[in-house]
């Protein structure tokens, strides 16, 4: 495994250190009105025109899938609110888990194009979003979280609008994929972020699935045409990361191995960037919150 090139990331030693040593061998009425209006926009707003650039055009092909994932997350959040009204703790917890799946698969987009991540998925010091709800719902078995749930629904609905109104550039998607790979290796491999609910391992698996999806739909064909060996290497990098996450429980996860594989994937994405006429994701791109 190779060290990250300092010229590629703007600080290779720092990133290599943080990822692990390299292998030398390789409710309220106003809320209801806003939600109603945003939901209508979400259903009716047409996607932006397809960009001329081939890779950006492939990004347009990716839009329906990311829209489906956020719709899935939004449906789970609405089911959570319904369960709270019904005072059904078990149903509320299950709805939270369902909402989480779509969000984690969509993080390539949310990492590369929107500021809403801080409102929806702040961690570890969460005062809003998924983890603020999780701490009460799973950690304290409390259901007095309707205001937080309404806010989550509002922000997910806003995100639904932004997906349809945002030009999906290849640069943003590449940055999002690299940033998510960094997050899996750096932040989540040490124990995960959804500890109260016990879904941290699923979070990482869904992140890796999201990276694979954007690579396959947006980047694979263009990289294959320019450098088939690099395309094969990227597929292998992604497969190894996903394989490392196929363990029975979080306690069985090897965080050093996951960090190393996430680092290798970042290096491969950085290598592919200039081949595609894109800028290499920098250290700042990877760690920015």
Protein backbone atom coordinates (compact mmCIF):
# COMPACT_ATOMS: atom_id res chain seq x y z
CA UNK A 1 0.00 0.00 0.00
CA UNK A 2 1.24 3.45 -0.90
CA UNK A 3 1.48 6.51 1.29
CA UNK A 4 -0.71 9.37 0.21
CA UNK A 5 1.28 11.75 -1.99
CA UNK A 6 1.73 15.02 -0.13
CA UNK A 7 1.43 16.94 -3.39
CA UNK A 8 -1.85 15.20 -4.09
CA UNK A 9 -3.50 15.92 -0.77
CA UNK A 10 -1.69 19.00 0.47
CA UNK A 11 -0.29 17.16 3.49
CA UNK A 12 0.33 13.47 2.93
CA UNK A 13 2.12 12.79 6.22
CA UNK A 14 -0.79 14.13 8.24
CA UNK A 15 -3.35 12.10 6.36
CA UNK A 16 -1.26 8.94 6.38
CA UNK A 17 -0.81 9.33 10.12
CA UNK A 18 -4.50 9.86 10.77
CA UNK A 19 -5.51 6.88 8.66
CA UNK A 20 -2.89 4.51 9.97
CA UNK A 21 0.60 3.55 8.86
CA UNK A 22 1.02 2.51 5.24
CA UNK A 23 2.07 -1.00 4.29
CA UNK A 24 5.56 -0.64 2.82
CA UNK A 25 4.83 -3.55 0.47
CA UNK A 26 1.92 -1.68 -1.12
CA UNK A 27 -45.43 19.86 14.99
CA UNK A 28 -45.73 23.72 15.06
CA UNK A 29 -47.98 25.21 12.35
CA UNK A 30 -45.15 27.02 10.61
CA UNK A 31 -43.29 23.73 10.39
CA UNK A 32 -46.33 22.03 8.87
CA UNK A 33 -46.71 24.79 6.26
CA UNK A 34 -43.04 24.71 5.35
CA UNK A 35 -43.02 20.94 5.10
CA UNK A 36 -46.09 21.00 2.90
CA UNK A 37 -44.60 23.60 0.57
CA UNK A 38 -41.23 21.87 0.32
CA UNK A 39 -42.86 18.50 -0.28
CA UNK A 40 -44.81 19.98 -3.20
CA UNK A 41 -41.57 21.41 -4.64
CA UNK A 42 -39.89 18.05 -4.14
CA UNK A 43 -42.56 16.37 -6.29
CA UNK A 44 -42.75 19.00 -9.03
CA UNK A 45 -39.32 20.59 -9.43
CA UNK A 46 -37.68 19.43 -12.65
CA UNK A 47 -34.01 18.40 -12.71
CA UNK A 48 -31.45 20.79 -14.06
CA UNK A 49 -30.45 20.53 -17.69
CA UNK A 50 -27.84 17.90 -18.45
CA UNK A 51 -24.34 19.42 -18.58
CA UNK A 52 -22.33 19.07 -21.77
CA UNK A 53 -19.35 17.35 -20.13
CA UNK A 54 -19.57 13.54 -20.42
CA UNK A 55 -18.81 12.86 -16.77
CA UNK A 56 -21.24 15.51 -15.60
CA UNK A 57 -23.81 13.88 -17.87
CA UNK A 58 -23.15 10.61 -16.08
CA UNK A 59 -23.78 12.51 -12.86
CA UNK A 60 -27.27 13.25 -14.13
CA UNK A 61 -27.79 9.50 -14.52
CA UNK A 62 -26.86 9.18 -10.85
CA UNK A 63 -29.50 11.71 -9.74
CA UNK A 64 -32.52 9.33 -9.72
CA UNK A 65 -30.71 6.87 -7.46
CA UNK A 66 -29.68 9.49 -4.93
CA UNK A 67 -33.19 10.93 -5.04
CA UNK A 68 -34.59 7.49 -4.25
CA UNK A 69 -32.29 7.11 -1.24
CA UNK A 70 -33.28 10.45 0.27
CA UNK A 71 -36.95 9.73 -0.42
CA UNK A 72 -36.43 6.47 1.49
CA UNK A 73 -34.86 8.37 4.39
CA UNK A 74 -37.65 10.95 4.40
CA UNK A 75 -40.31 8.21 4.46
CA UNK A 76 -38.58 6.68 7.49
CA UNK A 77 -38.51 10.03 9.29
CA UNK A 78 -42.22 10.51 8.64
CA UNK A 79 -42.89 7.00 9.96
CA UNK A 80 -40.88 7.94 13.05
CA UNK A 81 -43.15 10.93 13.65
CA UNK A 82 -46.25 8.75 13.25
CA UNK A 83 -44.86 6.24 15.76
CA UNK A 84 -44.18 9.03 18.25
CA UNK A 85 -47.77 10.22 17.97
CA UNK A 86 -48.93 6.63 18.51
CA UNK A 87 -46.55 6.35 21.51
CA UNK A 88 -44.99 3.21 20.06
CA UNK A 89 -41.32 3.14 21.10
CA UNK A 90 -40.38 0.00 19.18
CA UNK A 91 -41.94 1.28 15.95
CA UNK A 92 -40.22 4.63 16.43
CA UNK A 93 -36.82 2.96 16.83
CA UNK A 94 -37.37 0.82 13.74
CA UNK A 95 -38.42 3.87 11.71
CA UNK A 96 -35.24 5.69 12.76
CA UNK A 97 -33.16 2.74 11.53
CA UNK A 98 -35.03 2.70 8.20
CA UNK A 99 -34.50 6.44 7.74
CA UNK A 100 -30.80 6.00 8.41
CA UNK A 101 -30.21 3.56 5.54
CA UNK A 102 -31.08 5.96 2.74
CA UNK A 103 -29.11 8.78 4.34
CA UNK A 104 -25.89 6.75 4.67
CA UNK A 105 -26.05 5.58 1.05
CA UNK A 106 -26.56 9.18 -0.06
CA UNK A 107 -23.56 10.63 1.76
CA UNK A 108 -21.47 10.84 -1.41
CA UNK A 109 -23.88 13.60 -2.44
CA UNK A 110 -24.32 15.20 0.97
CA UNK A 111 -20.53 15.26 1.50
CA UNK A 112 -19.83 16.89 -1.85
CA UNK A 113 -22.66 19.31 -2.51
CA UNK A 114 -24.62 20.49 0.52
CA UNK A 115 -24.22 22.07 3.94
CA UNK A 116 -27.19 20.16 5.34
CA UNK A 117 -25.01 17.39 6.76
CA UNK A 118 -24.46 19.51 9.89
CA UNK A 119 -28.21 19.83 10.43
CA UNK A 120 -29.08 16.20 9.66
CA UNK A 121 -26.13 14.09 10.77
CA UNK A 122 -23.90 16.08 13.15
CA UNK A 123 -21.70 13.81 15.28
CA UNK A 124 -20.39 13.33 17.92
CA UNK A 125 -21.67 16.58 19.51
CA UNK A 126 -25.15 16.43 18.03
CA UNK A 127 -27.84 18.85 19.14
CA UNK A 128 -30.03 18.23 16.12
CA UNK A 129 -30.59 15.56 13.49
CA UNK A 130 -30.29 11.80 13.58
CA UNK A 131 -27.93 11.49 16.52
CA UNK A 132 -29.71 13.92 18.81
CA UNK A 133 -32.83 11.81 18.25
CA UNK A 134 -30.87 8.56 18.63
CA UNK A 135 -29.48 9.47 22.04
CA UNK A 136 -32.96 10.00 23.47
CA UNK A 137 -34.82 7.32 21.54
CA UNK A 138 -32.36 4.47 22.03
CA UNK A 139 -30.07 5.66 24.82
CA UNK A 140 -32.72 6.98 27.21
CA UNK A 141 -35.79 5.21 25.76
CA UNK A 142 -37.52 8.60 25.58
CA UNK A 143 -40.14 9.68 23.07
CA UNK A 144 -40.26 13.43 23.76
CA UNK A 145 -38.48 14.08 20.46
CA UNK A 146 -41.22 15.37 18.20
CA UNK A 147 -39.61 18.83 17.70
CA UNK A 148 -36.31 17.18 16.72
CA UNK A 149 -38.16 14.78 14.42
CA UNK A 150 -40.08 17.63 12.76
CA UNK A 151 -36.77 19.41 12.17
CA UNK A 152 -35.28 16.25 10.66
CA UNK A 153 -38.25 15.91 8.30
CA UNK A 154 -37.91 19.56 7.33
CA UNK A 155 -34.21 19.26 6.50
CA UNK A 156 -34.63 15.99 4.61
CA UNK A 157 -37.41 17.56 2.57
CA UNK A 158 -35.17 20.55 1.89
CA UNK A 159 -32.47 18.12 0.80
CA UNK A 160 -34.91 16.45 -1.57
CA UNK A 161 -35.39 19.81 -3.26
CA UNK A 162 -31.66 20.50 -3.39
CA UNK A 163 -30.96 17.17 -5.09
CA UNK A 164 -33.27 18.12 -7.95
CA UNK A 165 -31.93 21.66 -8.17
CA UNK A 166 -28.19 20.96 -7.85
CA UNK A 167 -25.91 20.47 -10.82
CA UNK A 168 -24.13 17.19 -10.14
CA UNK A 169 -20.55 17.77 -11.23
CA UNK A 170 -18.01 14.99 -11.54
CA UNK A 171 -15.65 16.99 -9.31
CA UNK A 172 -18.18 17.19 -6.50
CA UNK A 173 -19.01 13.49 -6.75
CA UNK A 174 -15.33 12.50 -6.74
CA UNK A 175 -14.68 14.71 -3.73
CA UNK A 176 -17.74 13.25 -1.99
CA UNK A 177 -16.62 9.67 -2.61
CA UNK A 178 -13.09 10.37 -1.34
CA UNK A 179 -14.37 12.22 1.71
CA UNK A 180 -16.75 9.38 2.57
CA UNK A 181 -13.95 6.82 2.21
CA UNK A 182 -11.88 8.94 4.61
CA UNK A 183 -14.76 9.12 7.07
CA UNK A 184 -15.26 5.35 7.06
CA UNK A 185 -11.58 4.75 7.74
CA UNK A 186 -10.88 7.61 10.11
CA UNK A 187 -14.02 8.23 12.16
CA UNK A 188 -16.25 5.21 11.96
CA UNK A 189 -13.75 2.36 12.15
CA UNK A 190 -12.91 3.24 15.76
CA UNK A 191 -16.34 2.22 16.98
CA UNK A 192 -18.85 3.87 14.72
CA UNK A 193 -21.14 6.80 15.16
CA UNK A 194 -24.51 5.11 15.85
CA UNK A 195 -23.61 3.45 19.13
CA UNK A 196 -26.92 3.87 20.95
CA UNK A 197 -28.88 2.20 18.16
CA UNK A 198 -26.22 -0.41 17.38
CA UNK A 199 -26.28 0.38 13.64
CA UNK A 200 -22.72 1.69 13.22
CA UNK A 201 -21.63 -1.31 11.16
CA UNK A 202 -24.61 -0.88 8.86
CA UNK A 203 -23.72 2.81 8.53
CA UNK A 204 -20.29 1.89 7.19
CA UNK A 205 -21.65 -0.79 4.89
CA UNK A 206 -24.17 1.62 3.43
CA UNK A 207 -21.43 4.24 2.97
CA UNK A 208 -19.33 1.72 1.06
CA UNK A 209 -22.34 0.77 -1.07
CA UNK A 210 -22.83 4.45 -1.87
CA UNK A 211 -19.20 4.79 -2.98
CA UNK A 212 -19.52 1.71 -5.20
CA UNK A 213 -22.70 3.06 -6.79
CA UNK A 214 -21.25 6.44 -7.75
CA UNK A 215 -18.06 4.84 -9.06
CA UNK A 216 -19.98 2.37 -11.20
CA UNK A 217 -22.46 4.86 -12.63
CA UNK A 218 -20.35 7.99 -13.02
CA UNK A 219 -16.67 7.10 -13.25
CA UNK A 220 -16.07 3.45 -14.18
CA UNK A 221 -16.59 3.66 -17.95
CA UNK A 222 -14.43 6.77 -18.40
CA UNK A 223 -11.59 5.39 -16.29
CA UNK A 224 -11.82 2.05 -18.10
CA UNK A 225 -11.45 3.82 -21.44
CA UNK A 226 -8.33 5.69 -20.32
CA UNK A 227 -6.64 3.22 -17.99
CA UNK A 228 -8.23 -0.25 -17.66
CA UNK A 229 -5.73 -1.29 -15.00
CA UNK A 230 -6.62 1.66 -12.81
CA UNK A 231 -10.32 0.90 -13.26
CA UNK A 232 -9.69 -2.67 -12.14
CA UNK A 233 -7.65 -1.43 -9.18
CA UNK A 234 -10.46 0.88 -8.07
CA UNK A 235 -13.00 -1.93 -8.28
CA UNK A 236 -10.68 -4.11 -6.21
CA UNK A 237 -10.16 -1.30 -3.66
CA UNK A 238 -13.90 -0.88 -3.22
CA UNK A 239 -14.49 -4.63 -3.04
CA UNK A 240 -11.84 -5.05 -0.35
CA UNK A 241 -13.33 -2.25 1.74
CA UNK A 242 -16.81 -3.74 1.45
CA UNK A 243 -15.48 -7.21 2.26
CA UNK A 244 -13.79 -5.94 5.44
CA UNK A 245 -17.15 -4.64 6.62
CA UNK A 246 -18.86 -8.03 6.17
CA UNK A 247 -18.30 -9.13 9.75
CA UNK A 248 -20.89 -10.46 12.23
CA UNK A 249 -20.66 -7.49 14.59
CA UNK A 250 -18.79 -4.25 15.13
CA UNK A 251 -16.56 -5.93 17.71
CA UNK A 252 -15.24 -8.19 14.94
CA UNK A 253 -14.18 -5.27 12.76
CA UNK A 254 -10.45 -4.75 12.21
CA UNK A 255 -10.12 -0.94 12.30
CA UNK A 256 -6.49 -0.96 11.15
CA UNK A 257 -7.40 -2.97 8.09
CA UNK A 258 -10.39 -0.75 7.32
CA UNK A 259 -8.23 2.38 7.63
CA UNK A 260 -5.60 0.94 5.31
CA UNK A 261 -8.20 -0.01 2.72
CA UNK A 262 -9.88 3.38 2.89
CA UNK A 263 -6.47 5.01 2.39
CA UNK A 264 -5.75 2.84 -0.67
CA UNK A 265 -9.13 3.77 -2.12
CA UNK A 266 -8.45 7.49 -1.59
CA UNK A 267 -5.06 7.16 -3.31
CA UNK A 268 -6.69 5.42 -6.29
CA UNK A 269 -9.35 8.14 -6.55
CA UNK A 270 -6.65 10.81 -6.42
CA UNK A 271 -4.75 9.00 -9.17
CA UNK A 272 -7.86 8.87 -11.34
CA UNK A 273 -8.68 12.57 -10.94
CA UNK A 274 -6.18 14.12 -13.42
CA UNK A 275 -6.86 11.30 -15.85
CA UNK A 276 -10.46 12.55 -15.92
CA UNK A 277 -9.53 16.23 -16.12
CA UNK A 278 -10.43 16.77 -12.45
CA UNK A 279 -8.56 18.13 -9.45
CA UNK A 280 -7.24 15.66 -6.93
CA UNK A 281 -9.22 15.73 -3.65
CA UNK A 282 -7.04 17.54 -1.14
CA UNK A 283 -6.59 16.96 2.58
CA UNK A 284 -8.90 19.92 3.20
CA UNK A 285 -11.54 18.37 0.93
CA UNK A 286 -11.38 15.14 2.92
CA UNK A 287 -11.56 16.48 6.46
CA UNK A 288 -13.83 19.51 6.11
CA UNK A 289 -17.02 19.24 8.14
